[in-house]
PDB file of N, CA and C in Angstrom:
ATOM      1  N   UNK A   1     137.278 139.375 -13.940  1.00  0.00           N
ATOM      2  CA  UNK A   1     136.041 139.287 -14.681  1.00  0.00           C
ATOM      3  C   UNK A   1     135.747 137.808 -14.931  1.00  0.00           C
ATOM      4  N   UNK A   2     134.512 137.439 -14.785  1.00  0.00           N
ATOM      5  CA  UNK A   2     134.102 136.056 -14.984  1.00  0.00           C
ATOM      6  C   UNK A   2     133.238 135.965 -16.244  1.00  0.00           C
ATOM      7  N   UNK A   3     133.604 135.059 -17.147  1.00  0.00           N
ATOM      8  CA  UNK A   3     132.816 134.834 -18.357  1.00  0.00           C
ATOM      9  C   UNK A   3     131.533 134.108 -17.984  1.00  0.00           C
ATOM     10  N   UNK A   4     130.394 134.684 -18.369  1.00  0.00           N
ATOM     11  CA  UNK A   4     129.103 134.112 -18.010  1.00  0.00           C
ATOM     12  C   UNK A   4     128.303 133.591 -19.191  1.00  0.00           C
ATOM     13  N   UNK A   5     128.680 133.924 -20.420  1.00  0.00           N
ATOM     14  CA  UNK A   5     127.936 133.451 -21.572  1.00  0.00           C
ATOM     15  C   UNK A   5     128.064 134.387 -22.753  1.00  0.00           C
ATOM     16  N   UNK A   6     127.327 134.050 -23.799  1.00  0.00           N
ATOM     17  CA  UNK A   6     127.363 134.805 -25.042  1.00  0.00           C
ATOM     18  C   UNK A   6     125.971 135.325 -25.373  1.00  0.00           C
ATOM     19  N   UNK A   7     125.885 136.615 -25.664  1.00  0.00           N
ATOM     20  CA  UNK A   7     124.627 137.239 -26.065  1.00  0.00           C
ATOM     21  C   UNK A   7     124.683 137.497 -27.563  1.00  0.00           C
ATOM     22  N   UNK A   8     123.690 136.990 -28.274  1.00  0.00           N
ATOM     23  CA  UNK A   8     123.602 137.280 -29.703  1.00  0.00           C
ATOM     24  C   UNK A   8     122.307 138.033 -29.969  1.00  0.00           C
ATOM     25  N   UNK A   9     122.383 138.942 -30.907  1.00  0.00           N
ATOM     26  CA  UNK A   9     121.237 139.744 -31.308  1.00  0.00           C
ATOM     27  C   UNK A   9     120.631 139.120 -32.563  1.00  0.00           C
ATOM     28  N   UNK A  10     119.328 138.865 -32.544  1.00  0.00           N
ATOM     29  CA  UNK A  10     118.682 138.196 -33.676  1.00  0.00           C
ATOM     30  C   UNK A  10     117.527 139.036 -34.212  1.00  0.00           C
ATOM     31  N   UNK A  11     117.289 138.936 -35.515  1.00  0.00           N
ATOM     32  CA  UNK A  11     116.206 139.709 -36.125  1.00  0.00           C
ATOM     33  C   UNK A  11     114.876 138.944 -36.108  1.00  0.00           C
ATOM     34  N   UNK A  12     114.927 137.613 -36.073  1.00  0.00           N
ATOM     35  CA  UNK A  12     113.714 136.794 -36.035  1.00  0.00           C
ATOM     36  C   UNK A  12     113.823 135.828 -34.864  1.00  0.00           C
ATOM     37  N   UNK A  13     113.242 136.199 -33.741  1.00  0.00           N
ATOM     38  CA  UNK A  13     113.375 135.410 -32.511  1.00  0.00           C
ATOM     39  C   UNK A  13     112.780 134.013 -32.658  1.00  0.00           C
ATOM     40  N   UNK A  14     111.613 133.895 -33.259  1.00  0.00           N
ATOM     41  CA  UNK A  14     110.961 132.589 -33.396  1.00  0.00           C
ATOM     42  C   UNK A  14     111.805 131.637 -34.239  1.00  0.00           C
ATOM     43  N   UNK A  15     112.308 132.121 -35.342  1.00  0.00           N
ATOM     44  CA  UNK A  15     113.133 131.299 -36.235  1.00  0.00           C
ATOM     45  C   UNK A  15     114.441 130.899 -35.545  1.00  0.00           C
ATOM     46  N   UNK A  16     115.065 131.843 -34.847  1.00  0.00           N
ATOM     47  CA  UNK A  16     116.322 131.575 -34.152  1.00  0.00           C
ATOM     48  C   UNK A  16     116.120 130.598 -33.002  1.00  0.00           C
ATOM     49  N   UNK A  17     115.061 130.797 -32.237  1.00  0.00           N
ATOM     50  CA  UNK A  17     114.776 129.894 -31.115  1.00  0.00           C
ATOM     51  C   UNK A  17     114.515 128.478 -31.627  1.00  0.00           C
ATOM     52  N   UNK A  18     113.754 128.366 -32.698  1.00  0.00           N
ATOM     53  CA  UNK A  18     113.484 127.062 -33.287  1.00  0.00           C
ATOM     54  C   UNK A  18     114.790 126.375 -33.723  1.00  0.00           C
ATOM     55  N   UNK A  19     115.682 127.136 -34.354  1.00  0.00           N
ATOM     56  CA  UNK A  19     116.968 126.580 -34.791  1.00  0.00           C
ATOM     57  C   UNK A  19     117.777 126.049 -33.609  1.00  0.00           C
ATOM     58  N   UNK A  20     117.925 126.853 -32.568  1.00  0.00           N
ATOM     59  CA  UNK A  20     118.743 126.422 -31.432  1.00  0.00           C
ATOM     60  C   UNK A  20     118.110 125.274 -30.654  1.00  0.00           C
ATOM     61  N   UNK A  21     116.787 125.240 -30.584  1.00  0.00           N
ATOM     62  CA  UNK A  21     116.135 124.137 -29.869  1.00  0.00           C
ATOM     63  C   UNK A  21     116.103 122.852 -30.694  1.00  0.00           C
ATOM     64  N   UNK A  22     115.758 122.933 -31.952  1.00  0.00           N
ATOM     65  CA  UNK A  22     115.584 121.730 -32.777  1.00  0.00           C
ATOM     66  C   UNK A  22     116.890 121.226 -33.382  1.00  0.00           C
ATOM     67  N   UNK A  23     117.663 122.103 -34.000  1.00  0.00           N
ATOM     68  CA  UNK A  23     118.892 121.691 -34.689  1.00  0.00           C
ATOM     69  C   UNK A  23     120.059 121.530 -33.720  1.00  0.00           C
ATOM     70  N   UNK A  24     120.261 122.526 -32.858  1.00  0.00           N
ATOM     71  CA  UNK A  24     121.402 122.506 -31.936  1.00  0.00           C
ATOM     72  C   UNK A  24     121.092 121.806 -30.611  1.00  0.00           C
ATOM     73  N   UNK A  25     119.815 121.399 -30.423  1.00  0.00           N
ATOM     74  CA  UNK A  25     119.367 120.657 -29.241  1.00  0.00           C
ATOM     75  C   UNK A  25     119.666 121.377 -27.920  1.00  0.00           C
ATOM     76  N   UNK A  26     119.415 122.688 -27.904  1.00  0.00           N
ATOM     77  CA  UNK A  26     119.608 123.486 -26.698  1.00  0.00           C
ATOM     78  C   UNK A  26     118.268 123.637 -25.981  1.00  0.00           C
ATOM     79  N   UNK A  27     118.318 123.690 -24.659  1.00  0.00           N
ATOM     80  CA  UNK A  27     117.105 123.799 -23.856  1.00  0.00           C
ATOM     81  C   UNK A  27     116.974 125.228 -23.315  1.00  0.00           C
ATOM     82  N   UNK A  28     115.863 125.880 -23.649  1.00  0.00           N
ATOM     83  CA  UNK A  28     115.594 127.221 -23.135  1.00  0.00           C
ATOM     84  C   UNK A  28     115.192 127.120 -21.666  1.00  0.00           C
ATOM     85  N   UNK A  29     115.813 127.954 -20.834  1.00  0.00           N
ATOM     86  CA  UNK A  29     115.476 127.961 -19.414  1.00  0.00           C
ATOM     87  C   UNK A  29     114.663 129.193 -19.037  1.00  0.00           C
ATOM     88  N   UNK A  30     114.667 130.213 -19.922  1.00  0.00           N
ATOM     89  CA  UNK A  30     113.859 131.403 -19.705  1.00  0.00           C
ATOM     90  C   UNK A  30     113.512 132.002 -21.062  1.00  0.00           C
ATOM     91  N   UNK A  31     112.249 132.316 -21.259  1.00  0.00           N
ATOM     92  CA  UNK A  31     111.800 132.908 -22.519  1.00  0.00           C
ATOM     93  C   UNK A  31     110.897 134.091 -22.198  1.00  0.00           C
ATOM     94  N   UNK A  32     111.398 135.293 -22.454  1.00  0.00           N
ATOM     95  CA  UNK A  32     110.629 136.514 -22.194  1.00  0.00           C
ATOM     96  C   UNK A  32     110.104 137.134 -23.479  1.00  0.00           C
ATOM     97  N   UNK A  33     110.169 136.381 -24.568  1.00  0.00           N
ATOM     98  CA  UNK A  33     109.698 136.889 -25.851  1.00  0.00           C
ATOM     99  C   UNK A  33     110.790 137.615 -26.614  1.00  0.00           C
ATOM    100  N   UNK A  34     111.335 138.675 -26.032  1.00  0.00           N
ATOM    101  CA  UNK A  34     112.417 139.425 -26.685  1.00  0.00           C
ATOM    102  C   UNK A  34     113.789 138.991 -26.182  1.00  0.00           C
ATOM    103  N   UNK A  35     113.810 138.114 -25.177  1.00  0.00           N
ATOM    104  CA  UNK A  35     115.060 137.600 -24.607  1.00  0.00           C
ATOM    105  C   UNK A  35     114.861 136.127 -24.256  1.00  0.00           C
ATOM    106  N   UNK A  36     115.788 135.277 -24.729  1.00  0.00           N
ATOM    107  CA  UNK A  36     115.735 133.846 -24.421  1.00  0.00           C
ATOM    108  C   UNK A  36     117.086 133.426 -23.868  1.00  0.00           C
ATOM    109  N   UNK A  37     117.078 132.688 -22.756  1.00  0.00           N
ATOM    110  CA  UNK A  37     118.291 132.150 -22.154  1.00  0.00           C
ATOM    111  C   UNK A  37     118.287 130.638 -22.297  1.00  0.00           C
ATOM    112  N   UNK A  38     119.415 130.102 -22.706  1.00  0.00           N
ATOM    113  CA  UNK A  38     119.572 128.662 -22.816  1.00  0.00           C
ATOM    114  C   UNK A  38     120.476 128.171 -21.693  1.00  0.00           C
ATOM    115  N   UNK A  39     120.337 126.901 -21.328  1.00  0.00           N
ATOM    116  CA  UNK A  39     121.067 126.367 -20.190  1.00  0.00           C
ATOM    117  C   UNK A  39     122.578 126.297 -20.399  1.00  0.00           C
ATOM    118  N   UNK A  40     123.070 126.431 -21.621  1.00  0.00           N
ATOM    119  CA  UNK A  40     124.507 126.331 -21.888  1.00  0.00           C
ATOM    120  C   UNK A  40     125.228 127.670 -21.818  1.00  0.00           C
ATOM    121  N   UNK A  41     124.527 128.764 -21.470  1.00  0.00           N
ATOM    122  CA  UNK A  41     125.163 130.076 -21.385  1.00  0.00           C
ATOM    123  C   UNK A  41     125.008 130.909 -22.642  1.00  0.00           C
ATOM    124  N   UNK A  42     124.148 130.480 -23.542  1.00  0.00           N
ATOM    125  CA  UNK A  42     123.844 131.252 -24.737  1.00  0.00           C
ATOM    126  C   UNK A  42     122.583 132.062 -24.468  1.00  0.00           C
ATOM    127  N   UNK A  43     122.624 133.339 -24.858  1.00  0.00           N
ATOM    128  CA  UNK A  43     121.484 134.224 -24.675  1.00  0.00           C
ATOM    129  C   UNK A  43     121.166 134.875 -26.010  1.00  0.00           C
ATOM    130  N   UNK A  44     119.885 134.980 -26.331  1.00  0.00           N
ATOM    131  CA  UNK A  44     119.456 135.661 -27.556  1.00  0.00           C
ATOM    132  C   UNK A  44     118.579 136.834 -27.163  1.00  0.00           C
ATOM    133  N   UNK A  45     118.760 137.928 -27.873  1.00  0.00           N
ATOM    134  CA  UNK A  45     117.949 139.104 -27.632  1.00  0.00           C
ATOM    135  C   UNK A  45     117.520 139.675 -28.973  1.00  0.00           C
ATOM    136  N   UNK A  46     116.296 140.138 -29.027  1.00  0.00           N
ATOM    137  CA  UNK A  46     115.753 140.725 -30.247  1.00  0.00           C
ATOM    138  C   UNK A  46     116.517 141.993 -30.608  1.00  0.00           C
ATOM    139  N   UNK A  47     116.825 142.167 -31.893  1.00  0.00           N
ATOM    140  CA  UNK A  47     117.542 143.363 -32.338  1.00  0.00           C
ATOM    141  C   UNK A  47     116.777 144.627 -31.995  1.00  0.00           C
ATOM    142  N   UNK A  48     115.462 144.566 -31.997  1.00  0.00           N
ATOM    143  CA  UNK A  48     114.678 145.758 -31.679  1.00  0.00           C
ATOM    144  C   UNK A  48     114.939 146.232 -30.254  1.00  0.00           C
ATOM    145  N   UNK A  49     115.167 145.313 -29.341  1.00  0.00           N
ATOM    146  CA  UNK A  49     115.481 145.664 -27.961  1.00  0.00           C
ATOM    147  C   UNK A  49     116.962 145.966 -27.809  1.00  0.00           C
ATOM    148  N   UNK A  50     117.803 145.206 -28.471  1.00  0.00           N
ATOM    149  CA  UNK A  50     119.253 145.334 -28.345  1.00  0.00           C
ATOM    150  C   UNK A  50     119.722 146.737 -28.725  1.00  0.00           C
ATOM    151  N   UNK A  51     119.190 147.311 -29.786  1.00  0.00           N
ATOM    152  CA  UNK A  51     119.660 148.606 -30.253  1.00  0.00           C
ATOM    153  C   UNK A  51     119.003 149.790 -29.524  1.00  0.00           C
ATOM    154  N   UNK A  52     118.188 149.522 -28.527  1.00  0.00           N
ATOM    155  CA  UNK A  52     117.619 150.588 -27.697  1.00  0.00           C
ATOM    156  C   UNK A  52     118.622 151.115 -26.685  1.00  0.00           C
ATOM    157  N   UNK A  53     119.580 150.267 -26.282  1.00  0.00           N
ATOM    158  CA  UNK A  53     120.538 150.654 -25.254  1.00  0.00           C
ATOM    159  C   UNK A  53     121.509 151.690 -25.790  1.00  0.00           C
ATOM    160  N   UNK A  54     121.817 152.709 -24.999  1.00  0.00           N
ATOM    161  CA  UNK A  54     122.766 153.721 -25.472  1.00  0.00           C
ATOM    162  C   UNK A  54     124.187 153.159 -25.528  1.00  0.00           C
ATOM    163  N   UNK A  55     124.966 153.688 -26.429  1.00  0.00           N
ATOM    164  CA  UNK A  55     126.376 153.281 -26.525  1.00  0.00           C
ATOM    165  C   UNK A  55     127.155 153.936 -25.406  1.00  0.00           C
ATOM    166  N   UNK A  56     128.035 153.159 -24.794  1.00  0.00           N
ATOM    167  CA  UNK A  56     128.849 153.703 -23.706  1.00  0.00           C
ATOM    168  C   UNK A  56     130.300 153.586 -24.031  1.00  0.00           C
TER     169      UNK A  56
END
């Protein structure tokens, strides 16, 4: 298995994205609104989308 990054679930995407871009100086490489990928392997996903997936 290869480690590819960390996915965090956030309740306020705009606030979280602002924090990671401004405070942590991370660069977003993809922003789909409910999912944001940063160039360092950090991924954020909206809790509303995250909890839609069935448990396996």
